[in-house]
Amino acid sequence: MNELISFGILCLTTFVTIINPLSTLPVFLTMTASLTENRRQEVALKAVITAFVAMIFFAFTGQFIFDFFHITANGFRVAGGILFFLMGYDMLNARITRIKISKAEVKEYSTDISITPLGIPMICGPGAITNAILLMEQSKTYAQVGILISSMLLVCLLMLVTLYGGSRLVKFMGETTMKVMMRIMGLILMVIAVEFFFSGLKPIVQDILAIQTPTHE
């Protein structure tokens, strides 16, 4: 039971810090500024559903991707740890690690911005995809798989609530508070990144340094 609780906390913590609903909110409000409140909520719902489906897809096809491209889980942990660390560093410096959308592009994609770029890659970006694959690889039981899916669903619901109440949330918290929250989550993400990096690097180094002693008859 304790192992499941620890795994659930790991899943929630990593997805919350990587997806970071507060960092997506300003961009979402900018891209939907010309839309009505009802239409803005429709866009938010569709974007969150798109992101959730994408994470589920990559979580269950991750092992196939490993086999097809001859990628090891440990190598992916090292690369994922580096990616998470860079994202956490940007968050620690209060920089939103998302794609930048110009005014012309906002107008161009206003008819269906919920799928791209909002759903993918703003909500479900490389970090979320990497995290979904790695955590699914760590899931050894059906209970852990259920916890992983539930964690992704909870984070997506949190994202939906954040986007729904976006305008009020920004006025209530203020820009300074949002930057402080982003820095805290960035620090947590950097710590998690170090754990991912060394958990993948350790077995790789052990394989490299492994010396087969010759047997003497």
Protein backbone atom coordinates (compact mmCIF):
# COMPACT_ATOMS: atom_id res chain seq x y z
CA MET A 1 0.00 0.00 0.00
CA ASN A 2 2.80 2.42 0.89
CA GLU A 3 4.42 1.69 -2.47
CA LEU A 4 1.21 2.58 -4.32
CA ILE A 5 0.83 5.80 -2.34
CA SER A 6 4.41 6.79 -3.10
CA PHE A 7 3.92 6.00 -6.79
CA GLY A 8 0.70 8.04 -6.85
CA ILE A 9 2.45 11.03 -5.26
CA LEU A 10 5.27 10.73 -7.80
CA CYS A 11 2.80 10.66 -10.71
CA LEU A 12 0.81 13.66 -9.47
CA THR A 13 3.87 15.71 -8.59
CA THR A 14 5.66 15.19 -11.88
CA PHE A 15 2.63 15.84 -14.07
CA VAL A 16 1.55 18.93 -12.12
CA THR A 17 5.02 20.47 -12.29
CA ILE A 18 5.60 19.57 -15.93
CA ILE A 19 2.20 20.58 -17.31
CA ASN A 20 2.00 23.54 -14.89
CA PRO A 21 -1.51 24.93 -15.51
CA LEU A 22 -0.53 28.41 -14.28
CA SER A 23 2.15 28.79 -16.97
CA THR A 24 -0.31 27.86 -19.72
CA LEU A 25 -3.01 30.25 -18.49
CA PRO A 26 -1.57 33.58 -19.76
CA VAL A 27 -1.04 32.18 -23.25
CA PHE A 28 -4.52 30.64 -23.27
CA LEU A 29 -6.11 33.96 -22.30
CA THR A 30 -4.15 35.77 -25.01
CA MET A 31 -5.14 33.31 -27.73
CA THR A 32 -8.83 33.34 -26.76
CA ALA A 33 -9.12 37.07 -26.04
CA SER A 34 -11.42 37.66 -29.02
CA LEU A 35 -13.75 34.75 -28.17
CA THR A 36 -16.88 34.77 -26.05
CA GLU A 37 -16.82 33.19 -22.58
CA ASN A 38 -18.81 30.15 -23.74
CA ARG A 39 -16.58 29.62 -26.75
CA ARG A 40 -13.48 30.02 -24.58
CA GLN A 41 -14.71 27.25 -22.29
CA GLU A 42 -15.39 25.00 -25.28
CA VAL A 43 -11.84 25.56 -26.51
CA ALA A 44 -10.46 24.79 -23.04
CA LEU A 45 -12.44 21.54 -22.77
CA LYS A 46 -11.38 20.33 -26.20
CA ALA A 47 -7.74 21.22 -25.55
CA VAL A 48 -7.67 19.30 -22.25
CA ILE A 49 -9.34 16.24 -23.81
CA THR A 50 -6.81 16.31 -26.65
CA ALA A 51 -3.91 16.48 -24.21
CA PHE A 52 -5.29 13.63 -22.07
CA VAL A 53 -5.80 11.34 -25.08
CA ALA A 54 -2.28 12.13 -26.31
CA MET A 55 -0.73 11.26 -22.94
CA ILE A 56 -2.67 7.99 -22.77
CA PHE A 57 -1.57 7.12 -26.30
CA PHE A 58 2.12 7.70 -25.62
CA ALA A 59 1.92 5.96 -22.24
CA PHE A 60 0.65 2.72 -23.79
CA THR A 61 2.77 2.85 -26.96
CA GLY A 62 5.99 3.82 -25.20
CA GLN A 63 7.37 0.29 -25.05
CA PHE A 64 6.68 -0.21 -28.75
CA ILE A 65 8.58 3.00 -29.47
CA PHE A 66 11.48 1.69 -27.37
CA ASP A 67 11.57 -1.57 -29.32
CA PHE A 68 11.12 0.02 -32.74
CA PHE A 69 13.91 2.57 -32.31
CA HIS A 70 16.05 0.28 -30.11
CA ILE A 71 15.86 2.72 -27.20
CA THR A 72 16.56 1.59 -23.64
CA ALA A 73 14.51 2.77 -20.70
CA ASN A 74 17.66 3.90 -18.90
CA GLY A 75 18.74 6.03 -21.84
CA PHE A 76 15.30 7.57 -21.98
CA ARG A 77 15.49 8.32 -18.24
CA VAL A 78 18.78 10.17 -18.75
CA ALA A 79 17.39 12.19 -21.67
CA GLY A 80 14.13 12.80 -19.82
CA GLY A 81 16.03 13.94 -16.73
CA ILE A 82 17.96 16.49 -18.80
CA LEU A 83 14.74 17.72 -20.43
CA PHE A 84 12.96 18.03 -17.07
CA PHE A 85 15.93 19.87 -15.57
CA LEU A 86 15.97 22.44 -18.37
CA MET A 87 12.22 22.97 -18.06
CA GLY A 88 12.55 23.32 -14.29
CA TYR A 89 15.38 25.83 -14.70
CA ASP A 90 13.25 27.97 -16.99
CA MET A 91 10.36 27.76 -14.52
CA LEU A 92 12.71 28.67 -11.66
CA ASN A 93 13.57 31.83 -13.57
CA ALA A 94 9.84 32.50 -14.14
CA ARG A 95 10.04 31.91 -17.88
CA ILE A 96 7.13 30.09 -19.52
CA THR A 97 8.59 27.13 -21.41
CA ARG A 98 5.93 27.04 -24.10
CA ILE A 99 5.85 27.83 -27.79
CA LYS A 100 5.35 31.49 -28.64
CA ILE A 101 2.34 32.43 -30.73
CA SER A 102 2.27 35.62 -32.73
CA LYS A 103 -0.86 37.71 -33.20
CA ALA A 104 -1.13 36.58 -36.82
CA GLU A 105 -1.01 32.93 -35.80
CA VAL A 106 -3.61 33.47 -33.08
CA LYS A 107 -6.01 34.82 -35.69
CA GLU A 108 -5.17 32.04 -38.14
CA TYR A 109 -5.78 29.20 -35.68
CA SER A 110 -8.74 30.81 -33.89
CA THR A 111 -11.17 28.36 -35.53
CA ASP A 112 -9.51 25.30 -34.02
CA ILE A 113 -6.69 26.24 -31.68
CA SER A 114 -7.85 23.75 -29.07
CA ILE A 115 -6.09 20.78 -30.72
CA THR A 116 -2.94 22.57 -31.75
CA PRO A 117 -1.17 24.41 -30.34
CA LEU A 118 -3.17 24.39 -27.08
CA GLY A 119 -3.73 20.65 -26.62
CA ILE A 120 -0.44 19.65 -28.26
CA PRO A 121 2.22 20.81 -27.52
CA MET A 122 1.30 23.50 -24.97
CA ILE A 123 -0.49 21.21 -22.48
CA CYS A 124 0.83 17.84 -23.62
CA GLY A 125 4.36 18.78 -24.56
CA PRO A 126 7.60 16.80 -24.76
CA GLY A 127 7.94 16.78 -20.99
CA ALA A 128 4.48 15.32 -20.38
CA ILE A 129 4.99 12.72 -23.11
CA THR A 130 8.37 11.69 -21.71
CA ASN A 131 6.94 11.48 -18.20
CA ALA A 132 3.97 9.34 -19.34
CA ILE A 133 6.27 6.85 -21.08
CA LEU A 134 8.71 6.61 -18.19
CA LEU A 135 6.04 6.17 -15.51
CA MET A 136 4.20 3.55 -17.57
CA GLU A 137 7.49 1.67 -17.90
CA GLN A 138 7.76 1.74 -14.10
CA SER A 139 4.18 0.48 -13.66
CA LYS A 140 4.45 -3.23 -12.92
CA THR A 141 0.87 -3.89 -11.79
CA TYR A 142 -2.64 -3.01 -12.95
CA ALA A 143 -3.04 -0.93 -9.79
CA GLN A 144 -0.05 1.23 -10.73
CA VAL A 145 -1.38 1.63 -14.28
CA GLY A 146 -4.71 2.73 -12.82
CA ILE A 147 -2.98 5.21 -10.55
CA LEU A 148 -1.00 6.61 -13.48
CA ILE A 149 -4.11 7.09 -15.63
CA SER A 150 -6.00 8.59 -12.68
CA SER A 151 -3.13 11.00 -12.05
CA MET A 152 -3.15 12.17 -15.67
CA LEU A 153 -6.92 12.62 -15.48
CA LEU A 154 -6.72 14.61 -12.23
CA VAL A 155 -4.04 16.91 -13.62
CA CYS A 156 -6.08 17.45 -16.78
CA LEU A 157 -9.13 18.30 -14.67
CA LEU A 158 -6.98 20.75 -12.72
CA MET A 159 -5.91 22.28 -15.99
CA LEU A 160 -9.55 22.54 -17.10
CA VAL A 161 -10.61 24.26 -13.87
CA THR A 162 -7.66 26.66 -14.17
CA LEU A 163 -8.55 27.59 -17.74
CA TYR A 164 -12.23 27.95 -16.91
CA GLY A 165 -11.53 30.40 -14.13
CA GLY A 166 -8.56 31.96 -15.85
CA SER A 167 -9.64 35.58 -15.94
CA ARG A 168 -10.68 35.63 -12.30
CA LEU A 169 -7.60 33.69 -11.20
CA VAL A 170 -5.18 36.14 -12.77
CA LYS A 171 -6.92 39.10 -11.13
CA PHE A 172 -7.02 37.31 -7.77
CA MET A 173 -3.44 36.02 -7.65
CA GLY A 174 -1.64 38.73 -9.53
CA GLU A 175 1.40 38.38 -11.76
CA THR A 176 3.89 38.33 -8.87
CA THR A 177 2.16 35.42 -7.09
CA MET A 178 2.00 33.41 -10.32
CA LYS A 179 5.74 33.88 -10.85
CA VAL A 180 6.46 32.73 -7.28
CA MET A 181 4.34 29.60 -7.80
CA MET A 182 6.15 28.90 -11.06
CA ARG A 183 9.53 29.15 -9.33
CA ILE A 184 8.50 26.73 -6.58
CA MET A 185 7.24 24.16 -9.09
CA GLY A 186 10.41 24.64 -11.15
CA LEU A 187 12.58 23.81 -8.15
CA ILE A 188 10.56 20.66 -7.46
CA LEU A 189 10.85 19.62 -11.11
CA MET A 190 14.63 20.07 -11.05
CA VAL A 191 14.92 17.77 -8.01
CA ILE A 192 12.78 15.14 -9.74
CA ALA A 193 14.93 15.55 -12.88
CA VAL A 194 18.09 14.73 -10.92
CA GLU A 195 16.45 11.56 -9.59
CA PHE A 196 15.40 10.50 -13.11
CA PHE A 197 18.86 11.27 -14.53
CA PHE A 198 20.88 9.27 -12.01
CA SER A 199 18.40 6.37 -11.89
CA GLY A 200 19.07 5.92 -15.61
CA LEU A 201 22.76 6.76 -15.55
CA LYS A 202 23.72 4.37 -12.74
CA PRO A 203 22.95 1.09 -14.59
CA ILE A 204 24.52 2.45 -17.78
CA VAL A 205 27.77 3.26 -15.98
CA GLN A 206 27.68 -0.13 -14.25
CA ASP A 207 27.41 -1.86 -17.63
CA ILE A 208 30.29 0.18 -19.03
CA LEU A 209 32.54 -0.50 -16.05
CA ALA A 210 31.57 -4.13 -15.72
CA ILE A 211 34.67 -6.28 -15.99
CA GLN A 212 34.38 -9.95 -16.64
CA THR A 213 37.16 -11.62 -14.70
CA PRO A 214 38.71 -14.53 -16.60
CA THR A 215 38.11 -17.89 -15.13
CA HIS A 216 41.12 -20.05 -14.30
CA GLU A 217 40.95 -23.77 -14.64
